[in-house]
Amino acid sequence: MRKIIACLGAAVLLGGCELDTEESLKQKLSARLYILETMHFTSKSSCTAAVFTLALGEFRKPYPLAETIDRALERIRAQKHVQFALEGLTPNEITEAIMSRDLPNGLGLISAGIGPARDCMDQRISRGYHRVLLSSASQMVYMPEDNALLIVYPPEKLAFFLRGNV
């Protein structure tokens, strides 16, 4: 009986673990962004999805920039942060280009955005996220070592952060 209770207690504790806390994520991203408020925050053991309003729709401190797909792939393969500076391309088009050149790393990029969008966003937030993915005004950062994606949408001064546990 004690084993059953101990196992159930462990399952409850592990099931309640979050990948991120709202405050720690805001603090981490505030070094790079001008965050005002949290519009949405959900974190579970499998994913985190957050949307923040920004005072300025730009980076306070940019991540290392990649102006070509080759340079982006170098950083991704080295498991380093990369901010895509590919003029005129949407986050969706960038992801397709990465996948066409390096499928395993492209799948890593896409998984950072798909799972959290499906499992940690409500329908309203998800619709906005999908519009941002299809906009060339969006600025995307991939953090492969964290399995995380950050997309800044300057026209509406929004930042979307997604992280999966895969």
N, C-alpha and C. Protein backbone atom coordinates (compact mmCIF):
# COMPACT_ATOMS: atom_id res chain seq x y z
N MET A 1 0.83 -1.20 0.00
CA MET A 1 0.00 0.00 0.00
C MET A 1 0.87 1.26 0.00
N ARG A 2 1.94 1.24 0.79
CA ARG A 2 2.84 2.40 0.84
C ARG A 2 3.47 2.67 -0.53
N LYS A 3 3.83 1.57 -1.22
CA LYS A 3 4.44 1.73 -2.55
C LYS A 3 3.46 2.40 -3.51
N ILE A 4 2.22 2.00 -3.44
CA ILE A 4 1.20 2.59 -4.32
C ILE A 4 1.04 4.07 -4.02
N ILE A 5 0.95 4.42 -2.76
CA ILE A 5 0.81 5.83 -2.36
C ILE A 5 2.04 6.62 -2.78
N ALA A 6 3.23 6.05 -2.58
CA ALA A 6 4.46 6.73 -2.97
C ALA A 6 4.51 6.94 -4.48
N CYS A 7 4.12 5.93 -5.25
CA CYS A 7 4.11 6.05 -6.71
C CYS A 7 3.11 7.10 -7.18
N LEU A 8 1.93 7.10 -6.58
CA LEU A 8 0.93 8.10 -6.94
C LEU A 8 1.41 9.50 -6.59
N GLY A 9 2.04 9.65 -5.44
CA GLY A 9 2.57 10.96 -5.04
C GLY A 9 3.65 11.43 -5.99
N ALA A 10 4.54 10.52 -6.39
CA ALA A 10 5.59 10.89 -7.35
C ALA A 10 4.99 11.28 -8.69
N ALA A 11 3.99 10.55 -9.13
CA ALA A 11 3.34 10.87 -10.42
C ALA A 11 2.70 12.25 -10.38
N VAL A 12 2.05 12.57 -9.27
CA VAL A 12 1.42 13.89 -9.13
C VAL A 12 2.48 14.98 -9.14
N LEU A 13 3.57 14.78 -8.42
CA LEU A 13 4.63 15.78 -8.38
C LEU A 13 5.28 15.95 -9.73
N LEU A 14 5.61 14.86 -10.40
CA LEU A 14 6.24 14.95 -11.70
C LEU A 14 5.30 15.52 -12.75
N GLY A 15 4.05 15.16 -12.68
CA GLY A 15 3.06 15.67 -13.63
C GLY A 15 2.85 17.16 -13.50
N GLY A 16 3.09 17.71 -12.32
CA GLY A 16 2.89 19.12 -12.07
C GLY A 16 4.09 19.98 -12.39
N CYS A 17 5.20 19.36 -12.78
CA CYS A 17 6.41 20.13 -13.08
C CYS A 17 6.20 20.97 -14.33
N GLU A 18 6.71 22.16 -14.28
CA GLU A 18 6.64 23.07 -15.43
C GLU A 18 8.03 23.22 -16.02
N LEU A 19 8.10 23.41 -17.33
CA LEU A 19 9.39 23.69 -17.97
C LEU A 19 9.91 25.05 -17.55
N ASP A 20 9.01 26.02 -17.40
CA ASP A 20 9.39 27.39 -17.09
C ASP A 20 8.40 27.98 -16.10
N THR A 21 8.83 29.01 -15.39
CA THR A 21 7.89 29.83 -14.63
C THR A 21 7.76 31.15 -15.37
N GLU A 22 6.63 31.79 -15.21
CA GLU A 22 6.40 33.05 -15.91
C GLU A 22 7.46 34.08 -15.54
N GLU A 23 7.73 34.22 -14.26
CA GLU A 23 8.68 35.24 -13.81
C GLU A 23 10.10 34.96 -14.30
N SER A 24 10.54 33.71 -14.23
CA SER A 24 11.91 33.40 -14.68
C SER A 24 12.04 33.61 -16.19
N LEU A 25 11.00 33.26 -16.94
CA LEU A 25 11.04 33.46 -18.39
C LEU A 25 11.05 34.95 -18.73
N LYS A 26 10.19 35.71 -18.07
CA LYS A 26 10.17 37.17 -18.31
C LYS A 26 11.53 37.78 -17.99
N GLN A 27 12.11 37.36 -16.90
CA GLN A 27 13.42 37.90 -16.50
C GLN A 27 14.48 37.56 -17.54
N LYS A 28 14.48 36.31 -18.00
CA LYS A 28 15.46 35.89 -19.00
C LYS A 28 15.29 36.67 -20.30
N LEU A 29 14.06 36.78 -20.78
CA LEU A 29 13.81 37.45 -22.06
C LEU A 29 13.95 38.97 -21.97
N SER A 30 13.78 39.53 -20.78
CA SER A 30 13.90 40.99 -20.61
C SER A 30 15.30 41.50 -20.90
N ALA A 31 16.28 40.63 -20.85
CA ALA A 31 17.64 41.03 -21.22
C ALA A 31 17.73 41.30 -22.72
N ARG A 32 16.80 40.74 -23.48
CA ARG A 32 16.82 40.86 -24.94
C ARG A 32 15.66 41.67 -25.52
N LEU A 33 14.56 41.76 -24.76
CA LEU A 33 13.34 42.40 -25.26
C LEU A 33 12.84 43.45 -24.27
N TYR A 34 12.01 44.35 -24.75
CA TYR A 34 11.38 45.38 -23.92
C TYR A 34 9.99 44.90 -23.50
N ILE A 35 9.94 43.95 -22.58
CA ILE A 35 8.68 43.32 -22.19
C ILE A 35 7.85 44.23 -21.30
N LEU A 36 6.56 44.34 -21.63
CA LEU A 36 5.61 45.08 -20.80
C LEU A 36 4.78 44.12 -19.95
N GLU A 37 3.91 43.36 -20.61
CA GLU A 37 2.97 42.50 -19.90
C GLU A 37 2.92 41.11 -20.52
N THR A 38 2.43 40.19 -19.73
CA THR A 38 2.18 38.83 -20.23
C THR A 38 0.74 38.76 -20.71
N MET A 39 0.55 38.40 -21.97
CA MET A 39 -0.80 38.20 -22.52
C MET A 39 -1.26 36.76 -22.31
N HIS A 40 -0.30 35.84 -22.38
CA HIS A 40 -0.61 34.42 -22.25
C HIS A 40 0.61 33.72 -21.69
N PHE A 41 0.39 32.80 -20.77
CA PHE A 41 1.48 31.96 -20.27
C PHE A 41 0.91 30.61 -19.84
N THR A 42 1.44 29.57 -20.44
CA THR A 42 1.12 28.20 -20.03
C THR A 42 2.42 27.42 -20.05
N SER A 43 2.69 26.71 -18.97
CA SER A 43 3.85 25.84 -18.93
C SER A 43 3.45 24.54 -18.25
N LYS A 44 3.80 23.45 -18.91
CA LYS A 44 3.54 22.11 -18.41
C LYS A 44 4.87 21.35 -18.45
N SER A 45 4.83 20.10 -18.11
CA SER A 45 6.05 19.30 -18.18
C SER A 45 6.49 19.07 -19.63
N SER A 46 5.57 19.21 -20.57
CA SER A 46 5.87 18.94 -21.98
C SER A 46 6.08 20.19 -22.83
N CYS A 47 5.67 21.36 -22.36
CA CYS A 47 5.76 22.55 -23.21
C CYS A 47 5.57 23.84 -22.42
N THR A 48 6.03 24.91 -23.04
CA THR A 48 5.76 26.27 -22.56
C THR A 48 5.35 27.10 -23.77
N ALA A 49 4.34 27.92 -23.59
CA ALA A 49 3.94 28.90 -24.61
C ALA A 49 3.63 30.19 -23.88
N ALA A 50 4.24 31.27 -24.35
CA ALA A 50 4.02 32.58 -23.72
C ALA A 50 3.92 33.64 -24.81
N VAL A 51 3.09 34.63 -24.54
CA VAL A 51 2.98 35.79 -25.43
C VAL A 51 3.12 37.02 -24.55
N PHE A 52 4.02 37.91 -24.96
CA PHE A 52 4.27 39.14 -24.21
C PHE A 52 4.01 40.35 -25.09
N THR A 53 3.48 41.42 -24.49
CA THR A 53 3.43 42.70 -25.19
C THR A 53 4.77 43.38 -24.95
N LEU A 54 5.17 44.18 -25.93
CA LEU A 54 6.48 44.84 -25.88
C LEU A 54 6.31 46.35 -25.93
N ALA A 55 7.19 47.06 -25.24
CA ALA A 55 7.20 48.52 -25.32
C ALA A 55 7.72 48.96 -26.68
N LEU A 56 8.70 48.23 -27.20
CA LEU A 56 9.26 48.47 -28.53
C LEU A 56 9.27 47.15 -29.27
N GLY A 57 8.87 47.17 -30.51
CA GLY A 57 8.83 45.95 -31.32
C GLY A 57 10.17 45.63 -31.94
N GLU A 58 11.19 45.62 -31.12
CA GLU A 58 12.55 45.33 -31.59
C GLU A 58 13.32 44.68 -30.45
N PHE A 59 14.48 44.16 -30.78
CA PHE A 59 15.32 43.54 -29.77
C PHE A 59 16.13 44.60 -29.03
N ARG A 60 16.16 44.49 -27.72
CA ARG A 60 17.02 45.33 -26.89
C ARG A 60 18.47 44.96 -27.20
N LYS A 61 18.71 43.67 -27.25
CA LYS A 61 20.03 43.12 -27.57
C LYS A 61 19.79 41.93 -28.49
N PRO A 62 20.16 42.05 -29.76
CA PRO A 62 19.90 40.95 -30.69
C PRO A 62 20.69 39.69 -30.33
N TYR A 63 20.19 38.57 -30.78
CA TYR A 63 20.91 37.31 -30.70
C TYR A 63 21.89 37.29 -31.87
N PRO A 64 22.84 36.36 -31.91
CA PRO A 64 23.74 36.28 -33.07
C PRO A 64 22.94 36.11 -34.36
N LEU A 65 23.22 36.98 -35.31
CA LEU A 65 22.45 37.02 -36.57
C LEU A 65 23.01 36.06 -37.61
N ALA A 66 22.10 35.48 -38.38
CA ALA A 66 22.46 34.68 -39.55
C ALA A 66 21.75 35.31 -40.74
N GLU A 67 22.53 35.77 -41.71
CA GLU A 67 21.96 36.42 -42.88
C GLU A 67 21.84 35.48 -44.07
N THR A 68 22.28 34.23 -43.89
CA THR A 68 22.13 33.21 -44.92
C THR A 68 21.68 31.91 -44.26
N ILE A 69 21.11 31.03 -45.05
CA ILE A 69 20.71 29.71 -44.54
C ILE A 69 21.95 28.93 -44.10
N ASP A 70 23.05 29.05 -44.87
CA ASP A 70 24.27 28.34 -44.50
C ASP A 70 24.77 28.77 -43.12
N ARG A 71 24.78 30.07 -42.87
CA ARG A 71 25.24 30.57 -41.57
C ARG A 71 24.28 30.12 -40.46
N ALA A 72 23.00 30.13 -40.74
CA ALA A 72 22.02 29.67 -39.76
C ALA A 72 22.26 28.20 -39.43
N LEU A 73 22.49 27.39 -40.44
CA LEU A 73 22.74 25.96 -40.21
C LEU A 73 24.02 25.72 -39.42
N GLU A 74 25.04 26.52 -39.66
CA GLU A 74 26.27 26.40 -38.86
C GLU A 74 25.96 26.57 -37.38
N ARG A 75 25.20 27.58 -37.06
CA ARG A 75 24.87 27.85 -35.66
C ARG A 75 23.96 26.76 -35.09
N ILE A 76 22.98 26.33 -35.87
CA ILE A 76 22.06 25.29 -35.40
C ILE A 76 22.81 23.99 -35.15
N ARG A 77 23.68 23.61 -36.08
CA ARG A 77 24.45 22.37 -35.91
C ARG A 77 25.37 22.44 -34.70
N ALA A 78 25.82 23.64 -34.37
CA ALA A 78 26.67 23.83 -33.18
C ALA A 78 25.83 24.01 -31.91
N GLN A 79 24.50 23.87 -32.04
CA GLN A 79 23.56 24.01 -30.91
C GLN A 79 23.65 25.40 -30.27
N LYS A 80 23.76 26.43 -31.11
CA LYS A 80 23.85 27.80 -30.63
C LYS A 80 22.63 28.61 -31.07
N HIS A 81 22.29 29.62 -30.26
CA HIS A 81 21.18 30.52 -30.61
C HIS A 81 21.43 31.15 -31.97
N VAL A 82 20.36 31.36 -32.71
CA VAL A 82 20.48 32.04 -34.00
C VAL A 82 19.24 32.90 -34.23
N GLN A 83 19.48 34.15 -34.58
CA GLN A 83 18.41 35.05 -35.00
C GLN A 83 18.48 35.13 -36.52
N PHE A 84 17.41 34.74 -37.17
CA PHE A 84 17.38 34.72 -38.63
C PHE A 84 17.17 36.13 -39.16
N ALA A 85 18.11 36.59 -39.99
CA ALA A 85 18.01 37.90 -40.61
C ALA A 85 17.96 37.69 -42.12
N LEU A 86 16.92 37.01 -42.56
CA LEU A 86 16.75 36.67 -43.96
C LEU A 86 15.62 37.51 -44.53
N GLU A 87 15.99 38.61 -45.10
CA GLU A 87 15.05 39.64 -45.57
C GLU A 87 13.95 39.05 -46.45
N GLY A 88 12.71 39.38 -46.11
CA GLY A 88 11.57 39.02 -46.92
C GLY A 88 11.02 37.61 -46.70
N LEU A 89 11.69 36.81 -45.85
CA LEU A 89 11.20 35.45 -45.61
C LEU A 89 10.41 35.39 -44.31
N THR A 90 9.37 34.59 -44.33
CA THR A 90 8.55 34.38 -43.13
C THR A 90 9.21 33.29 -42.28
N PRO A 91 8.86 33.20 -41.00
CA PRO A 91 9.37 32.08 -40.19
C PRO A 91 9.03 30.72 -40.82
N ASN A 92 7.87 30.60 -41.41
CA ASN A 92 7.48 29.36 -42.08
C ASN A 92 8.42 29.05 -43.25
N GLU A 93 8.72 30.05 -44.07
CA GLU A 93 9.62 29.85 -45.21
C GLU A 93 11.05 29.54 -44.76
N ILE A 94 11.48 30.17 -43.69
CA ILE A 94 12.82 29.89 -43.15
C ILE A 94 12.89 28.43 -42.69
N THR A 95 11.87 27.99 -41.99
CA THR A 95 11.83 26.61 -41.52
C THR A 95 11.85 25.63 -42.68
N GLU A 96 11.09 25.91 -43.73
CA GLU A 96 11.08 25.05 -44.92
C GLU A 96 12.47 25.00 -45.55
N ALA A 97 13.16 26.15 -45.63
CA ALA A 97 14.50 26.19 -46.22
C ALA A 97 15.49 25.38 -45.39
N ILE A 98 15.39 25.49 -44.08
CA ILE A 98 16.28 24.72 -43.19
C ILE A 98 16.00 23.22 -43.38
N MET A 99 14.72 22.85 -43.39
CA MET A 99 14.35 21.44 -43.54
C MET A 99 14.82 20.87 -44.88
N SER A 100 14.77 21.66 -45.93
CA SER A 100 15.17 21.16 -47.25
C SER A 100 16.68 20.93 -47.33
N ARG A 101 17.45 21.62 -46.49
CA ARG A 101 18.91 21.49 -46.49
C ARG A 101 19.41 20.49 -45.45
N ASP A 102 18.69 20.37 -44.34
CA ASP A 102 19.14 19.51 -43.24
C ASP A 102 17.90 19.06 -42.47
N LEU A 103 17.34 17.95 -42.90
CA LEU A 103 16.06 17.50 -42.35
C LEU A 103 16.09 17.29 -40.83
N PRO A 104 17.08 16.61 -40.27
CA PRO A 104 17.05 16.41 -38.81
C PRO A 104 17.04 17.73 -38.03
N ASN A 105 17.87 18.68 -38.42
CA ASN A 105 17.87 19.96 -37.72
C ASN A 105 16.63 20.78 -38.03
N GLY A 106 16.11 20.64 -39.23
CA GLY A 106 14.85 21.31 -39.57
C GLY A 106 13.69 20.77 -38.75
N LEU A 107 13.69 19.47 -38.53
CA LEU A 107 12.65 18.88 -37.69
C LEU A 107 12.77 19.35 -36.24
N GLY A 108 14.00 19.56 -35.78
CA GLY A 108 14.20 20.12 -34.44
C GLY A 108 13.60 21.51 -34.34
N LEU A 109 13.84 22.31 -35.36
CA LEU A 109 13.29 23.67 -35.38
C LEU A 109 11.76 23.64 -35.39
N ILE A 110 11.21 22.82 -36.25
CA ILE A 110 9.74 22.79 -36.36
C ILE A 110 9.11 22.22 -35.08
N SER A 111 9.77 21.25 -34.45
CA SER A 111 9.19 20.67 -33.23
C SER A 111 9.17 21.66 -32.07
N ALA A 112 10.10 22.62 -32.07
CA ALA A 112 10.11 23.64 -31.02
C ALA A 112 8.87 24.51 -31.09
N GLY A 113 8.27 24.62 -32.27
CA GLY A 113 7.10 25.46 -32.44
C GLY A 113 5.77 24.74 -32.51
N ILE A 114 5.77 23.51 -32.99
CA ILE A 114 4.50 22.81 -33.20
C ILE A 114 3.90 22.25 -31.91
N GLY A 115 4.68 21.48 -31.17
CA GLY A 115 4.16 20.86 -29.95
C GLY A 115 3.61 21.88 -28.96
N PRO A 116 4.41 22.91 -28.62
CA PRO A 116 3.89 23.92 -27.70
C PRO A 116 2.66 24.66 -28.23
N ALA A 117 2.61 24.90 -29.54
CA ALA A 117 1.44 25.59 -30.10
C ALA A 117 0.20 24.72 -29.96
N ARG A 118 0.37 23.43 -30.12
CA ARG A 118 -0.76 22.51 -30.03
C ARG A 118 -1.17 22.25 -28.58
N ASP A 119 -0.19 22.09 -27.70
CA ASP A 119 -0.48 21.63 -26.34
C ASP A 119 -0.54 22.73 -25.28
N CYS A 120 0.00 23.90 -25.57
CA CYS A 120 0.07 24.95 -24.54
C CYS A 120 -0.58 26.27 -24.95
N MET A 121 -1.30 26.29 -26.07
CA MET A 121 -1.98 27.51 -26.50
C MET A 121 -3.47 27.23 -26.67
N ASP A 122 -4.29 28.20 -26.28
CA ASP A 122 -5.71 28.07 -26.59
C ASP A 122 -5.91 28.48 -28.05
N GLN A 123 -7.10 28.27 -28.55
CA GLN A 123 -7.40 28.49 -29.97
C GLN A 123 -7.15 29.93 -30.41
N ARG A 124 -7.52 30.89 -29.59
CA ARG A 124 -7.37 32.30 -29.95
C ARG A 124 -5.88 32.66 -30.10
N ILE A 125 -5.06 32.26 -29.15
CA ILE A 125 -3.63 32.54 -29.20
C ILE A 125 -3.00 31.80 -30.37
N SER A 126 -3.41 30.57 -30.58
CA SER A 126 -2.88 29.76 -31.67
C SER A 126 -3.14 30.39 -33.04
N ARG A 127 -4.32 30.96 -33.23
CA ARG A 127 -4.62 31.63 -34.52
C ARG A 127 -3.68 32.81 -34.74
N GLY A 128 -3.44 33.60 -33.70
CA GLY A 128 -2.51 34.72 -33.82
C GLY A 128 -1.10 34.25 -34.11
N TYR A 129 -0.68 33.19 -33.45
CA TYR A 129 0.65 32.62 -33.65
C TYR A 129 0.81 32.17 -35.11
N HIS A 130 -0.18 31.51 -35.66
CA HIS A 130 -0.08 31.05 -37.04
C HIS A 130 -0.01 32.22 -38.02
N ARG A 131 -0.71 33.31 -37.74
CA ARG A 131 -0.60 34.50 -38.61
C ARG A 131 0.82 35.07 -38.55
N VAL A 132 1.41 35.08 -37.37
CA VAL A 132 2.77 35.60 -37.20
C VAL A 132 3.78 34.72 -37.94
N LEU A 133 3.56 33.40 -37.94
CA LEU A 133 4.45 32.49 -38.67
C LEU A 133 4.46 32.77 -40.17
N LEU A 134 3.38 33.33 -40.68
CA LEU A 134 3.25 33.56 -42.11
C LEU A 134 3.54 35.00 -42.51
N SER A 135 4.10 35.79 -41.60
CA SER A 135 4.39 37.20 -41.88
C SER A 135 5.89 37.43 -42.05
N SER A 136 6.25 38.11 -43.13
CA SER A 136 7.66 38.44 -43.34
C SER A 136 8.13 39.55 -42.40
N ALA A 137 7.21 40.18 -41.68
CA ALA A 137 7.60 41.19 -40.69
C ALA A 137 8.10 40.55 -39.40
N SER A 138 7.83 39.26 -39.21
CA SER A 138 8.23 38.56 -37.99
C SER A 138 9.74 38.32 -37.97
N GLN A 139 10.29 38.35 -36.77
CA GLN A 139 11.71 38.08 -36.55
C GLN A 139 11.82 36.85 -35.65
N MET A 140 12.50 35.81 -36.15
CA MET A 140 12.54 34.54 -35.44
C MET A 140 13.92 34.23 -34.89
N VAL A 141 13.93 33.69 -33.68
CA VAL A 141 15.15 33.22 -33.02
C VAL A 141 14.92 31.76 -32.64
N TYR A 142 15.90 30.93 -32.96
CA TYR A 142 15.84 29.52 -32.57
C TYR A 142 16.94 29.25 -31.57
N MET A 143 16.58 28.57 -30.49
CA MET A 143 17.52 28.21 -29.43
C MET A 143 17.56 26.69 -29.34
N PRO A 144 18.38 26.05 -30.20
CA PRO A 144 18.33 24.59 -30.29
C PRO A 144 18.67 23.87 -28.99
N GLU A 145 19.62 24.39 -28.22
CA GLU A 145 19.99 23.71 -26.98
C GLU A 145 18.88 23.75 -25.94
N ASP A 146 17.95 24.70 -26.09
CA ASP A 146 16.81 24.81 -25.18
C ASP A 146 15.52 24.27 -25.81
N ASN A 147 15.61 23.85 -27.07
CA ASN A 147 14.43 23.45 -27.85
C ASN A 147 13.35 24.53 -27.78
N ALA A 148 13.78 25.77 -28.02
CA ALA A 148 12.88 26.92 -27.87
C ALA A 148 12.90 27.80 -29.12
N LEU A 149 11.80 28.50 -29.29
CA LEU A 149 11.60 29.41 -30.40
C LEU A 149 11.06 30.72 -29.86
N LEU A 150 11.59 31.82 -30.36
CA LEU A 150 11.13 33.16 -29.99
C LEU A 150 10.81 33.89 -31.28
N ILE A 151 9.61 34.42 -31.38
CA ILE A 151 9.23 35.18 -32.57
C ILE A 151 8.72 36.54 -32.12
N VAL A 152 9.37 37.58 -32.63
CA VAL A 152 8.95 38.95 -32.35
C VAL A 152 8.17 39.44 -33.56
N TYR A 153 7.01 40.03 -33.28
CA TYR A 153 6.17 40.57 -34.34
C TYR A 153 6.06 42.09 -34.14
N PRO A 154 6.97 42.85 -34.78
CA PRO A 154 7.03 44.30 -34.57
C PRO A 154 5.75 45.08 -34.85
N PRO A 155 4.96 44.75 -35.90
CA PRO A 155 3.76 45.56 -36.16
C PRO A 155 2.81 45.67 -34.97
N GLU A 156 2.72 44.62 -34.16
CA GLU A 156 1.81 44.66 -33.01
C GLU A 156 2.56 44.63 -31.68
N LYS A 157 3.88 44.74 -31.75
CA LYS A 157 4.74 44.74 -30.55
C LYS A 157 4.43 43.54 -29.66
N LEU A 158 4.57 42.36 -30.26
CA LEU A 158 4.32 41.10 -29.55
C LEU A 158 5.54 40.20 -29.65
N ALA A 159 5.72 39.37 -28.63
CA ALA A 159 6.74 38.33 -28.65
C ALA A 159 6.09 37.01 -28.25
N PHE A 160 6.32 35.99 -29.06
CA PHE A 160 5.83 34.63 -28.79
C PHE A 160 7.04 33.78 -28.41
N PHE A 161 6.95 33.09 -27.29
CA PHE A 161 8.00 32.17 -26.87
C PHE A 161 7.40 30.78 -26.75
N LEU A 162 8.05 29.81 -27.37
CA LEU A 162 7.59 28.42 -27.31
C LEU A 162 8.77 27.51 -27.00
N ARG A 163 8.53 26.55 -26.12
CA ARG A 163 9.56 25.57 -25.79
C ARG A 163 8.89 24.21 -25.64
N GLY A 164 9.54 23.20 -26.22
CA GLY A 164 9.08 21.83 -26.06
C GLY A 164 10.08 21.05 -25.22
N ASN A 165 9.72 19.85 -24.85
CA ASN A 165 10.62 19.04 -24.05
C ASN A 165 11.28 17.93 -24.85
N VAL A 166 11.14 17.96 -26.16
CA VAL A 166 11.70 16.90 -27.01
C VAL A 166 13.09 17.28 -27.46
